[in-house]
N, C-alpha and C. Protein backbone atom coordinates (compact mmCIF):
# COMPACT_ATOMS: atom_id res chain seq x y z
N UNK A 1 67.52 120.41 88.49
CA UNK A 1 68.00 119.04 88.85
C UNK A 1 68.74 119.11 90.15
N UNK A 2 69.43 119.94 90.40
CA UNK A 2 70.55 119.80 91.34
C UNK A 2 70.64 120.15 92.75
N UNK A 3 69.68 120.63 93.39
CA UNK A 3 69.97 121.04 94.80
C UNK A 3 70.38 119.82 95.62
N UNK A 4 69.87 118.66 95.37
CA UNK A 4 70.21 117.50 96.18
C UNK A 4 71.71 117.11 96.03
N UNK A 5 72.39 117.61 95.13
CA UNK A 5 73.79 117.28 95.01
C UNK A 5 74.73 118.15 95.69
N UNK A 6 74.22 119.34 96.23
CA UNK A 6 75.13 120.18 96.98
C UNK A 6 74.82 120.08 98.43
N UNK A 7 75.82 119.96 99.16
CA UNK A 7 75.75 119.79 100.58
C UNK A 7 76.49 120.92 101.24
N UNK A 8 75.87 121.89 101.86
CA UNK A 8 76.54 122.97 102.48
C UNK A 8 77.12 122.48 103.77
N UNK A 9 78.40 122.55 103.89
CA UNK A 9 79.12 122.01 105.13
C UNK A 9 79.28 123.07 106.09
N UNK A 10 79.58 124.30 105.66
CA UNK A 10 79.91 125.41 106.60
C UNK A 10 79.31 126.68 106.04
N UNK A 11 79.42 127.66 106.90
CA UNK A 11 78.94 128.99 106.40
C UNK A 11 79.90 129.56 105.39
N UNK A 12 79.27 130.11 104.23
CA UNK A 12 80.08 130.75 103.27
C UNK A 12 79.56 132.19 103.09
N UNK A 13 80.39 133.11 103.53
CA UNK A 13 80.04 134.45 103.49
C UNK A 13 81.16 135.40 103.07
N UNK A 14 80.97 136.52 102.73
CA UNK A 14 81.98 137.65 102.51
C UNK A 14 82.54 137.56 101.03
N UNK A 15 83.61 138.27 100.84
CA UNK A 15 84.19 138.48 99.48
C UNK A 15 84.91 137.18 99.04
N UNK A 16 84.95 137.13 97.75
CA UNK A 16 85.60 135.85 97.13
C UNK A 16 87.00 136.27 96.74
N UNK A 17 87.98 135.60 97.41
CA UNK A 17 89.32 135.68 96.92
C UNK A 17 89.58 134.44 96.14
N UNK A 18 90.14 133.51 96.79
CA UNK A 18 90.38 132.19 96.12
C UNK A 18 89.25 131.11 96.42
N UNK A 19 88.91 130.38 95.50
CA UNK A 19 88.02 129.17 95.57
C UNK A 19 88.87 128.00 95.27
N UNK A 20 88.99 127.16 96.28
CA UNK A 20 89.86 125.95 95.95
C UNK A 20 88.96 124.74 95.88
N UNK A 21 89.18 124.04 94.68
CA UNK A 21 88.50 122.81 94.30
C UNK A 21 89.31 121.65 94.72
N UNK A 22 88.76 120.80 95.64
CA UNK A 22 89.47 119.58 96.06
C UNK A 22 88.60 118.32 95.67
N UNK A 23 89.15 117.22 95.64
CA UNK A 23 88.50 116.04 95.35
C UNK A 23 89.51 114.98 94.84
N UNK A 24 88.97 113.75 94.63
CA UNK A 24 89.74 112.60 94.22
C UNK A 24 90.08 112.84 92.79
N UNK A 25 91.16 112.08 92.29
CA UNK A 25 91.50 112.08 90.90
C UNK A 25 90.30 111.58 90.11
N UNK A 26 89.92 112.27 89.07
CA UNK A 26 88.78 111.94 88.23
C UNK A 26 87.39 112.37 88.74
N UNK A 27 87.33 113.16 89.76
CA UNK A 27 86.12 113.65 90.31
C UNK A 27 85.51 114.79 89.47
N UNK A 28 86.36 115.54 88.72
CA UNK A 28 85.85 116.64 87.95
C UNK A 28 86.28 117.94 88.41
N UNK A 29 87.49 118.09 89.04
CA UNK A 29 87.92 119.31 89.68
C UNK A 29 88.20 120.25 88.52
N UNK A 30 88.86 119.84 87.41
CA UNK A 30 89.18 120.76 86.34
C UNK A 30 88.02 121.18 85.68
N UNK A 31 87.08 120.29 85.42
CA UNK A 31 85.87 120.68 84.64
C UNK A 31 85.05 121.70 85.40
N UNK A 32 84.70 121.35 86.73
CA UNK A 32 83.95 122.25 87.57
C UNK A 32 84.74 123.55 87.81
N UNK A 33 86.09 123.44 88.08
CA UNK A 33 86.85 124.64 88.30
C UNK A 33 86.92 125.56 87.17
N UNK A 34 87.03 125.10 85.93
CA UNK A 34 87.12 125.90 84.76
C UNK A 34 85.77 126.68 84.58
N UNK A 35 84.71 125.94 84.77
CA UNK A 35 83.33 126.50 84.49
C UNK A 35 83.07 127.55 85.64
N UNK A 36 83.46 127.25 86.80
CA UNK A 36 83.28 128.20 87.94
C UNK A 36 84.04 129.39 87.79
N UNK A 37 85.31 129.29 87.31
CA UNK A 37 86.08 130.48 87.06
C UNK A 37 85.56 131.42 85.98
N UNK A 38 85.03 130.73 85.03
CA UNK A 38 84.36 131.53 83.91
C UNK A 38 83.15 132.23 84.46
N UNK A 39 82.31 131.56 85.15
CA UNK A 39 81.03 132.19 85.66
C UNK A 39 81.42 133.36 86.66
N UNK A 40 82.39 133.14 87.41
CA UNK A 40 82.70 134.18 88.55
C UNK A 40 83.64 135.26 87.90
N UNK A 41 84.20 135.13 86.78
CA UNK A 41 85.10 136.09 86.16
C UNK A 41 86.44 136.12 86.80
N UNK A 42 86.85 134.94 87.29
CA UNK A 42 88.11 134.73 87.98
C UNK A 42 89.21 134.02 87.12
N UNK A 43 90.41 134.07 87.51
CA UNK A 43 91.43 133.34 86.85
C UNK A 43 91.19 131.91 87.24
N UNK A 44 91.78 130.96 86.44
CA UNK A 44 91.75 129.63 86.71
C UNK A 44 93.08 128.99 86.67
N UNK A 45 93.43 128.26 87.77
CA UNK A 45 94.72 127.50 87.93
C UNK A 45 94.36 126.00 88.08
N UNK A 46 94.92 125.18 87.25
CA UNK A 46 94.76 123.73 87.29
C UNK A 46 96.05 123.20 87.62
N UNK A 47 96.16 122.27 88.58
CA UNK A 47 97.33 121.67 88.99
C UNK A 47 98.07 120.90 87.86
N UNK A 48 97.24 120.14 87.17
CA UNK A 48 97.79 119.32 86.08
C UNK A 48 98.38 120.26 84.99
N UNK A 49 97.73 121.33 84.66
CA UNK A 49 98.20 122.27 83.61
C UNK A 49 99.48 123.01 84.08
N UNK A 50 99.41 123.37 85.36
CA UNK A 50 100.68 124.07 85.95
C UNK A 50 101.83 123.20 85.88
N UNK A 51 101.64 121.91 86.27
CA UNK A 51 102.84 120.96 86.29
C UNK A 51 103.34 120.80 84.83
N UNK A 52 102.44 120.67 83.86
CA UNK A 52 102.83 120.53 82.45
C UNK A 52 103.72 121.80 82.06
N UNK A 53 103.06 122.93 82.43
CA UNK A 53 103.79 124.21 82.03
C UNK A 53 105.24 124.28 82.68
N UNK A 54 105.24 123.88 83.98
CA UNK A 54 106.48 124.01 84.74
C UNK A 54 107.51 122.97 84.31
N UNK A 55 107.19 121.80 84.14
CA UNK A 55 108.08 120.72 83.85
C UNK A 55 108.14 120.21 82.42
N UNK A 56 107.16 120.65 81.62
CA UNK A 56 107.17 120.17 80.19
C UNK A 56 106.63 118.71 80.00
N UNK A 57 106.21 118.12 81.04
CA UNK A 57 105.64 116.66 80.90
C UNK A 57 104.46 116.64 81.88
N UNK A 58 103.56 115.67 81.70
CA UNK A 58 102.38 115.54 82.60
C UNK A 58 102.69 114.69 83.91
N UNK A 59 101.65 114.70 84.73
CA UNK A 59 101.79 114.13 85.98
C UNK A 59 102.16 112.63 85.82
N UNK A 60 101.55 111.99 84.88
CA UNK A 60 101.83 110.54 84.70
C UNK A 60 103.28 110.23 84.43
N UNK A 61 103.91 111.20 83.56
CA UNK A 61 105.36 111.03 83.19
C UNK A 61 106.22 111.17 84.51
N UNK A 62 105.86 112.26 85.31
CA UNK A 62 106.62 112.60 86.50
C UNK A 62 106.49 111.38 87.50
N UNK A 63 105.32 110.94 87.65
CA UNK A 63 105.18 109.74 88.57
C UNK A 63 105.99 108.51 88.03
N UNK A 64 106.02 108.20 86.83
CA UNK A 64 106.62 107.08 86.20
C UNK A 64 108.16 107.36 86.29
N UNK A 65 108.68 108.44 86.11
CA UNK A 65 110.04 108.71 86.05
C UNK A 65 110.73 109.00 87.42
N UNK A 66 109.94 109.71 88.19
CA UNK A 66 110.52 110.22 89.51
C UNK A 66 109.90 109.63 90.74
N UNK A 67 108.78 109.00 90.55
CA UNK A 67 108.02 108.39 91.67
C UNK A 67 106.82 109.29 92.12
N UNK A 68 105.85 108.65 92.74
CA UNK A 68 104.61 109.36 93.21
C UNK A 68 105.02 110.39 94.27
N UNK A 69 105.90 110.08 95.13
CA UNK A 69 106.20 111.11 96.19
C UNK A 69 106.73 112.35 95.53
N UNK A 70 107.64 112.26 94.59
CA UNK A 70 108.11 113.42 93.82
C UNK A 70 107.05 114.21 93.17
N UNK A 71 106.06 113.50 92.52
CA UNK A 71 104.89 114.13 91.97
C UNK A 71 104.12 114.88 93.05
N UNK A 72 103.87 114.24 94.16
CA UNK A 72 103.10 114.88 95.29
C UNK A 72 103.82 116.23 95.78
N UNK A 73 105.12 116.15 95.98
CA UNK A 73 105.85 117.39 96.35
C UNK A 73 105.60 118.47 95.26
N UNK A 74 105.69 118.08 94.05
CA UNK A 74 105.46 119.07 93.00
C UNK A 74 104.05 119.64 92.95
N UNK A 75 103.07 118.75 93.17
CA UNK A 75 101.77 119.13 93.20
C UNK A 75 101.46 120.17 94.46
N UNK A 76 102.12 119.86 95.59
CA UNK A 76 102.14 120.78 96.69
C UNK A 76 102.80 122.18 96.33
N UNK A 77 103.78 122.16 95.62
CA UNK A 77 104.45 123.38 95.30
C UNK A 77 103.61 124.25 94.29
N UNK A 78 102.92 123.56 93.38
CA UNK A 78 102.12 124.24 92.36
C UNK A 78 100.96 124.81 93.02
N UNK A 79 100.40 124.04 94.14
CA UNK A 79 99.25 124.56 94.86
C UNK A 79 99.63 126.01 95.51
N UNK A 80 100.77 125.93 96.27
CA UNK A 80 101.16 127.14 96.91
C UNK A 80 101.50 128.27 95.98
N UNK A 81 102.05 128.03 94.83
CA UNK A 81 102.25 129.09 93.85
C UNK A 81 100.97 129.70 93.46
N UNK A 82 99.97 128.99 93.23
CA UNK A 82 98.62 129.49 92.82
C UNK A 82 97.99 130.14 93.96
N UNK A 83 98.10 129.60 95.17
CA UNK A 83 97.37 130.16 96.43
C UNK A 83 98.06 131.46 96.83
N UNK A 84 99.33 131.53 96.61
CA UNK A 84 99.97 132.84 96.99
C UNK A 84 99.76 134.09 96.13
N UNK A 85 99.15 133.81 95.02
CA UNK A 85 98.80 134.85 94.01
C UNK A 85 97.88 135.79 94.71
N UNK A 86 98.16 137.08 94.46
CA UNK A 86 97.17 138.08 95.14
C UNK A 86 95.95 138.33 94.25
N UNK A 87 95.85 137.70 93.13
CA UNK A 87 94.69 137.82 92.30
C UNK A 87 93.72 136.73 92.60
N UNK A 88 92.41 137.12 92.91
CA UNK A 88 91.45 136.08 93.16
C UNK A 88 91.35 135.05 92.03
N UNK A 89 91.26 133.80 92.53
CA UNK A 89 91.23 132.80 91.39
C UNK A 89 90.49 131.52 91.97
N UNK A 90 90.18 130.67 90.88
CA UNK A 90 89.74 129.33 91.21
C UNK A 90 90.94 128.37 90.98
N UNK A 91 91.15 127.52 92.01
CA UNK A 91 92.33 126.72 92.02
C UNK A 91 91.84 125.18 92.03
N UNK A 92 92.08 124.42 90.96
CA UNK A 92 91.84 123.09 91.03
C UNK A 92 93.06 122.36 91.50
N UNK A 93 92.91 122.01 92.77
CA UNK A 93 94.19 121.40 93.47
C UNK A 93 94.26 119.91 93.17
N UNK A 94 95.53 119.47 93.04
CA UNK A 94 95.75 117.98 93.06
C UNK A 94 95.17 117.24 94.31
N UNK A 95 94.65 116.08 94.10
CA UNK A 95 94.06 115.30 95.29
C UNK A 95 95.10 115.26 96.39
N UNK A 96 96.32 115.01 96.06
CA UNK A 96 97.36 114.76 97.10
C UNK A 96 97.58 115.87 98.09
N UNK A 97 97.27 117.12 97.70
CA UNK A 97 97.62 118.24 98.62
C UNK A 97 96.80 118.18 99.87
N UNK A 98 95.67 117.52 99.91
CA UNK A 98 94.84 117.42 101.07
C UNK A 98 95.58 116.60 102.16
N UNK A 99 96.52 115.86 101.81
CA UNK A 99 97.35 115.15 102.80
C UNK A 99 98.22 116.04 103.73
N UNK A 100 98.50 117.21 103.30
CA UNK A 100 99.38 118.19 104.03
C UNK A 100 98.58 119.02 104.95
N UNK A 101 99.01 118.94 106.31
CA UNK A 101 98.24 119.67 107.23
C UNK A 101 98.22 121.24 107.11
N UNK A 102 99.42 121.76 106.56
CA UNK A 102 99.46 123.13 106.29
C UNK A 102 98.49 123.54 105.22
N UNK A 103 98.23 122.69 104.21
CA UNK A 103 97.24 123.00 103.15
C UNK A 103 95.81 122.99 103.82
N UNK A 104 95.58 121.94 104.60
CA UNK A 104 94.23 121.86 105.26
C UNK A 104 94.01 123.12 106.01
N UNK A 105 94.96 123.52 106.75
CA UNK A 105 94.88 124.69 107.66
C UNK A 105 94.46 125.97 106.77
N UNK A 106 95.05 126.20 105.62
CA UNK A 106 94.71 127.39 104.86
C UNK A 106 93.34 127.31 104.20
N UNK A 107 92.96 126.05 103.92
CA UNK A 107 91.68 125.83 103.28
C UNK A 107 90.53 126.19 104.25
N UNK A 108 90.79 126.22 105.46
CA UNK A 108 89.74 126.65 106.43
C UNK A 108 89.48 128.20 106.33
N UNK A 109 90.32 128.85 105.68
CA UNK A 109 90.09 130.40 105.58
C UNK A 109 89.65 130.80 104.12
N UNK A 110 89.35 129.90 103.28
CA UNK A 110 88.93 130.26 101.90
C UNK A 110 87.72 129.36 101.52
N UNK A 111 87.06 129.72 100.45
CA UNK A 111 86.01 128.96 100.01
C UNK A 111 86.61 127.63 99.40
N UNK A 112 86.13 126.56 99.87
CA UNK A 112 86.67 125.24 99.48
C UNK A 112 85.40 124.32 99.01
N UNK A 113 85.57 123.86 97.81
CA UNK A 113 84.54 123.04 97.15
C UNK A 113 85.04 121.64 96.98
N UNK A 114 84.34 120.63 97.55
CA UNK A 114 84.69 119.26 97.42
C UNK A 114 83.91 118.73 96.29
N UNK A 115 84.64 118.36 95.15
CA UNK A 115 83.91 117.70 93.98
C UNK A 115 84.13 116.24 94.13
N UNK A 116 83.03 115.61 94.23
CA UNK A 116 83.04 114.06 94.61
C UNK A 116 82.24 113.33 93.59
N UNK A 117 82.51 112.01 93.58
CA UNK A 117 81.76 111.03 92.79
C UNK A 117 81.87 109.66 93.32
N UNK A 118 80.83 108.84 92.89
CA UNK A 118 80.90 107.38 93.49
C UNK A 118 82.12 106.79 92.90
N UNK A 119 82.59 105.67 93.44
CA UNK A 119 83.88 104.96 93.11
C UNK A 119 83.72 104.54 91.61
N UNK A 120 82.64 103.97 91.22
CA UNK A 120 82.50 103.50 89.82
C UNK A 120 82.77 104.59 88.81
N UNK A 121 82.20 105.73 88.99
CA UNK A 121 82.36 106.94 88.18
C UNK A 121 83.87 107.33 88.19
N UNK A 122 84.54 107.36 89.37
CA UNK A 122 85.83 107.80 89.50
C UNK A 122 86.73 106.80 88.68
N UNK A 123 86.47 105.53 88.76
CA UNK A 123 87.27 104.48 88.10
C UNK A 123 87.16 104.69 86.59
N UNK A 124 86.01 104.90 86.09
CA UNK A 124 85.74 105.14 84.69
C UNK A 124 86.45 106.34 84.20
N UNK A 125 86.43 107.47 84.89
CA UNK A 125 87.09 108.69 84.53
C UNK A 125 88.59 108.57 84.55
N UNK A 126 89.06 107.90 85.57
CA UNK A 126 90.60 107.73 85.76
C UNK A 126 91.15 106.94 84.58
N UNK A 127 90.39 105.85 84.23
CA UNK A 127 90.81 104.97 83.21
C UNK A 127 90.84 105.61 81.86
N UNK A 128 90.02 106.60 81.67
CA UNK A 128 89.90 107.29 80.32
C UNK A 128 90.96 108.34 80.15
N UNK A 129 91.73 108.83 81.08
CA UNK A 129 92.61 109.83 80.95
C UNK A 129 94.07 109.41 80.95
N UNK A 130 94.84 109.96 80.02
CA UNK A 130 96.25 109.48 79.79
C UNK A 130 97.13 110.41 80.65
N UNK A 131 96.72 111.59 81.10
CA UNK A 131 97.61 112.48 81.79
C UNK A 131 97.69 112.21 83.30
N UNK A 132 96.88 111.20 83.71
CA UNK A 132 96.88 110.91 85.20
C UNK A 132 97.87 109.75 85.47
N UNK A 133 98.42 109.71 86.66
CA UNK A 133 99.41 108.71 87.00
C UNK A 133 98.63 107.32 86.99
N UNK A 134 99.52 106.23 87.01
CA UNK A 134 98.86 104.97 86.85
C UNK A 134 98.14 104.64 88.11
N UNK A 135 97.03 103.91 87.93
CA UNK A 135 96.03 103.59 89.01
C UNK A 135 96.62 102.34 89.69
N UNK A 136 96.69 102.39 91.03
CA UNK A 136 97.19 101.30 91.81
C UNK A 136 95.99 100.57 92.48
N UNK A 137 96.35 99.42 93.08
CA UNK A 137 95.33 98.60 93.73
C UNK A 137 94.84 99.23 95.04
N UNK A 138 95.57 100.24 95.53
CA UNK A 138 95.21 100.81 96.82
C UNK A 138 94.37 102.19 96.71
N UNK A 139 93.84 102.33 95.52
CA UNK A 139 93.05 103.56 95.24
C UNK A 139 91.86 103.65 96.28
N UNK A 140 91.21 102.55 96.49
CA UNK A 140 90.06 102.60 97.43
C UNK A 140 90.52 102.96 98.83
N UNK A 141 91.60 102.50 99.26
CA UNK A 141 92.08 102.92 100.69
C UNK A 141 92.56 104.39 100.72
N UNK A 142 93.16 104.72 99.60
CA UNK A 142 93.56 106.16 99.45
C UNK A 142 92.37 107.07 99.52
N UNK A 143 91.35 106.69 98.76
CA UNK A 143 90.17 107.47 98.76
C UNK A 143 89.44 107.53 100.17
N UNK A 144 89.47 106.36 100.76
CA UNK A 144 88.87 106.22 102.15
C UNK A 144 89.64 107.15 103.11
N UNK A 145 90.86 107.29 103.02
CA UNK A 145 91.73 108.06 103.85
C UNK A 145 91.46 109.53 103.56
N UNK A 146 91.30 109.92 102.31
CA UNK A 146 91.27 111.34 101.91
C UNK A 146 89.84 111.95 102.07
N UNK A 147 88.84 111.10 101.83
CA UNK A 147 87.46 111.63 102.00
C UNK A 147 87.14 112.42 103.28
N UNK A 148 87.53 111.93 104.42
CA UNK A 148 87.29 112.67 105.66
C UNK A 148 88.02 114.03 105.56
N UNK A 149 89.22 114.05 104.98
CA UNK A 149 90.02 115.27 104.90
C UNK A 149 89.39 116.32 104.02
N UNK A 150 88.87 115.80 102.88
CA UNK A 150 88.03 116.66 101.90
C UNK A 150 86.95 117.34 102.73
N UNK A 151 86.19 116.36 103.33
CA UNK A 151 84.97 116.84 104.07
C UNK A 151 85.30 117.78 105.16
N UNK A 152 86.44 117.66 105.79
CA UNK A 152 86.73 118.57 106.97
C UNK A 152 87.03 119.98 106.39
N UNK A 153 87.57 120.11 105.24
CA UNK A 153 87.99 121.40 104.71
C UNK A 153 86.89 122.03 103.83
N UNK A 154 85.82 121.27 103.37
CA UNK A 154 84.97 121.86 102.38
C UNK A 154 83.80 122.59 102.97
N UNK A 155 83.51 123.72 102.19
CA UNK A 155 82.32 124.46 102.55
C UNK A 155 81.03 123.91 101.83
N UNK A 156 81.36 123.26 100.65
CA UNK A 156 80.34 122.76 99.85
C UNK A 156 80.86 121.42 99.27
N UNK A 157 79.98 120.48 99.11
CA UNK A 157 80.30 119.23 98.46
C UNK A 157 79.35 119.04 97.25
N UNK A 158 79.84 118.76 96.08
CA UNK A 158 79.06 118.55 94.97
C UNK A 158 79.32 117.15 94.37
N UNK A 159 78.23 116.20 94.06
CA UNK A 159 78.36 115.02 93.53
C UNK A 159 78.35 115.10 92.02
N UNK A 160 79.54 114.99 91.35
CA UNK A 160 79.53 115.18 89.87
C UNK A 160 79.13 113.88 89.15
N UNK A 161 78.97 112.82 89.94
CA UNK A 161 78.37 111.62 89.31
C UNK A 161 77.01 111.63 89.05
N UNK A 162 76.27 112.66 89.64
CA UNK A 162 74.77 112.76 89.57
C UNK A 162 74.29 113.80 88.66
N UNK A 163 75.19 114.73 88.29
CA UNK A 163 74.73 115.87 87.43
C UNK A 163 75.70 116.12 86.35
N UNK A 164 75.33 116.93 85.27
CA UNK A 164 76.20 117.16 84.21
C UNK A 164 77.10 118.46 84.69
N UNK A 165 78.03 118.73 83.85
CA UNK A 165 78.93 119.92 84.17
C UNK A 165 78.27 121.25 84.48
N UNK A 166 77.29 121.54 83.57
CA UNK A 166 76.57 122.89 83.74
C UNK A 166 75.81 122.93 85.09
N UNK A 167 75.13 121.82 85.43
CA UNK A 167 74.40 121.82 86.66
C UNK A 167 75.38 121.82 87.91
N UNK A 168 76.44 121.08 87.79
CA UNK A 168 77.40 121.14 88.92
C UNK A 168 77.87 122.50 89.18
N UNK A 169 78.29 123.20 88.16
CA UNK A 169 78.87 124.51 88.26
C UNK A 169 77.75 125.45 88.87
N UNK A 170 76.50 125.37 88.32
CA UNK A 170 75.44 126.21 88.77
C UNK A 170 75.25 126.01 90.28
N UNK A 171 75.17 124.81 90.81
CA UNK A 171 74.90 124.68 92.22
C UNK A 171 76.10 125.18 93.09
N UNK A 172 77.24 125.06 92.53
CA UNK A 172 78.40 125.55 93.25
C UNK A 172 78.36 127.06 93.31
N UNK A 173 78.11 127.66 92.20
CA UNK A 173 77.94 129.14 92.19
C UNK A 173 76.98 129.64 93.12
N UNK A 174 75.79 129.05 93.10
CA UNK A 174 74.73 129.45 94.01
C UNK A 174 75.12 129.25 95.49
N UNK A 175 75.77 128.08 95.75
CA UNK A 175 76.12 127.81 97.06
C UNK A 175 77.17 128.79 97.65
N UNK A 176 78.07 129.29 96.82
CA UNK A 176 79.17 130.13 97.38
C UNK A 176 78.83 131.64 97.24
N UNK A 177 77.85 131.97 96.37
CA UNK A 177 77.58 133.33 96.14
C UNK A 177 76.20 133.72 96.67
N UNK A 178 75.32 132.64 96.80
CA UNK A 178 74.00 132.96 97.22
C UNK A 178 73.05 133.29 96.03
N UNK A 179 73.58 133.21 94.81
CA UNK A 179 72.78 133.57 93.60
C UNK A 179 73.27 132.77 92.40
N UNK A 180 72.42 132.66 91.48
CA UNK A 180 72.79 131.94 90.31
C UNK A 180 73.40 132.92 89.31
N UNK A 181 74.49 132.61 88.78
CA UNK A 181 75.20 133.44 87.73
C UNK A 181 75.47 132.62 86.52
N UNK A 182 74.86 133.09 85.43
CA UNK A 182 75.03 132.38 84.18
C UNK A 182 76.10 132.92 83.45
């Protein structure tokens, strides 16, 4: 099914250290990241899970209690904690971290996968999850601002609105390793 959903943006060669999954809220970063980590035999770090572990509450609660900016600072901290690990891993980064120039700079030196979907799919997924922050009216403008940032950092883009989880993971594995690993 899926070669048309993978878009190779840059050359991907060499040894795998970290693979960072970026994309909008609801694009499927956790789903693709978990499957990718399993297939590659790497550790998996998910921003949402790490925040819950660190703070004892989910991102939605932090955004409601402390504000979205506080949540974004925490998401950046969690990203750096995972990224600084010496063990190769797959990191599902919060969408907000792409806003930070220093994060975009380091993404140029690792394998970066942009998990994307059409706006309708993103809206449906965001609405069905209770752990995500409240959706605001400016989500479209936020996505419009972030999409070029995701694109600039990504080695590979996969459209998760067009394929199921298994196919999405398969095409990412093949794109970053040059072979299919089941």
